[in-house]
Amino acid sequence: MPDRIEVRAVRNGGLDHIEVPTADETWVAALLRERAGYVMRSRPDRVAQVDAELDRLGVDTSALPTTPAKGAPSDDRKGHRSRQPAGRRGAAGRG
């Protein structure tokens, strides 16, 4: 459950409370983003490692997807070249 922190408004000096995620909540959110990337890239070995850490933190991973969603973009990097932005091409040859 997020921590509640008391804050003072700059304009009128009134008090309010904001919710700030705990360290564990932040860590779980980061692991879930990492896991989603491994699922998208079809890396079941890495998904299993992240699942082990999530299980250790008490997160139920049984309902999480283990294969990419149908129609999701693939991460096929074979033959992929990094390109310069269009505005930068040929800038070195100009004088």
Protein backbone atom coordinates (compact mmCIF):
# COMPACT_ATOMS: atom_id res chain seq x y z
CA MET A 1 0.00 0.00 0.00
CA PRO A 2 1.44 3.41 -0.90
CA ASP A 3 2.79 5.66 1.81
CA ARG A 4 0.88 8.88 2.44
CA ILE A 5 3.04 11.98 2.75
CA GLU A 6 1.83 15.34 4.01
CA VAL A 7 2.61 18.23 1.67
CA ARG A 8 1.94 21.96 1.89
CA ALA A 9 0.46 23.80 -1.08
CA VAL A 10 2.70 26.59 -2.41
CA ARG A 11 -0.09 29.00 -3.36
CA ASN A 12 -2.34 28.94 -0.31
CA GLY A 13 -0.30 27.12 2.33
CA GLY A 14 -2.96 24.44 2.78
CA LEU A 15 -2.07 20.88 3.74
CA ASP A 16 -2.71 17.91 1.52
CA HIS A 17 -1.55 14.30 1.27
CA ILE A 18 -0.02 12.50 -1.68
CA GLU A 19 0.51 8.79 -2.09
CA VAL A 20 4.03 7.66 -2.83
CA PRO A 21 4.72 4.06 -3.84
CA THR A 22 6.82 2.04 -1.43
CA ALA A 23 10.18 0.66 -2.48
CA ASP A 24 8.70 -2.83 -2.90
CA GLU A 25 5.87 -1.51 -5.10
CA THR A 26 8.38 0.32 -7.28
CA TRP A 27 10.57 -2.79 -7.54
CA VAL A 28 7.59 -5.00 -8.50
CA ALA A 29 6.50 -2.48 -11.16
CA ALA A 30 10.01 -2.47 -12.64
CA LEU A 31 10.14 -6.28 -12.67
CA LEU A 32 6.76 -6.47 -14.40
CA ARG A 33 7.98 -4.07 -17.13
CA GLU A 34 11.16 -6.12 -17.53
CA ARG A 35 9.13 -9.33 -17.71
CA ALA A 36 6.84 -7.87 -20.38
CA GLY A 37 9.90 -7.08 -22.50
CA TYR A 38 11.19 -10.65 -22.19
CA VAL A 39 7.77 -12.05 -23.11
CA MET A 40 7.66 -9.78 -26.18
CA ARG A 41 11.14 -10.95 -27.21
CA SER A 42 10.27 -14.64 -26.58
CA ARG A 43 12.90 -15.14 -23.86
CA PRO A 44 11.31 -17.82 -21.61
CA ASP A 45 14.57 -18.35 -19.70
CA ARG A 46 14.63 -14.71 -18.59
CA VAL A 47 10.87 -14.69 -17.91
CA ALA A 48 11.40 -17.60 -15.51
CA GLN A 49 14.15 -15.71 -13.69
CA VAL A 50 11.97 -12.62 -13.27
CA ASP A 51 9.05 -14.83 -12.18
CA ALA A 52 11.24 -16.35 -9.47
CA GLU A 53 12.00 -12.88 -8.10
CA LEU A 54 8.34 -11.85 -8.30
CA ASP A 55 7.34 -15.04 -6.47
CA ARG A 56 9.88 -14.23 -3.77
CA LEU A 57 8.21 -10.83 -3.36
CA GLY A 58 4.78 -12.46 -3.04
CA VAL A 59 3.40 -11.65 -6.50
CA ASP A 60 1.21 -14.32 -8.10
CA THR A 61 2.66 -14.85 -11.58
CA SER A 62 0.31 -17.65 -12.65
CA ALA A 63 -2.09 -15.25 -14.41
CA LEU A 64 0.65 -13.35 -16.28
CA PRO A 65 1.14 -14.08 -20.01
CA THR A 66 4.08 -16.24 -21.05
CA THR A 67 3.82 -15.74 -24.80
CA PRO A 68 3.55 -12.52 -26.84
CA ALA A 69 0.05 -11.31 -27.62
CA LYS A 70 -1.16 -12.08 -31.11
CA GLY A 71 -0.32 -9.18 -33.40
CA ALA A 72 2.30 -7.77 -31.00
CA PRO A 73 5.41 -6.37 -32.67
CA SER A 74 8.29 -8.79 -32.77
CA ASP A 75 11.86 -8.00 -31.87
CA ASP A 76 13.50 -9.35 -34.99
CA ARG A 77 16.83 -7.52 -35.05
CA LYS A 78 18.47 -9.62 -37.76
CA GLY A 79 19.51 -7.36 -40.58
CA HIS A 80 18.46 -4.28 -38.64
CA ARG A 81 20.79 -1.33 -38.99
CA SER A 82 20.82 1.75 -36.87
CA ARG A 83 20.20 4.86 -38.96
CA GLN A 84 20.91 8.50 -38.42
CA PRO A 85 17.93 10.85 -38.29
CA ALA A 86 17.00 12.27 -41.72
CA GLY A 87 18.22 15.76 -40.81
CA ARG A 88 21.74 14.49 -40.08
CA ARG A 89 22.48 12.69 -43.32
CA GLY A 90 25.30 14.20 -45.26
CA ALA A 91 26.01 16.87 -42.65
CA ALA A 92 29.68 15.86 -42.43
CA GLY A 93 30.22 16.52 -46.16
CA ARG A 94 28.91 20.04 -46.04
CA GLY A 95 31.43 22.77 -45.74
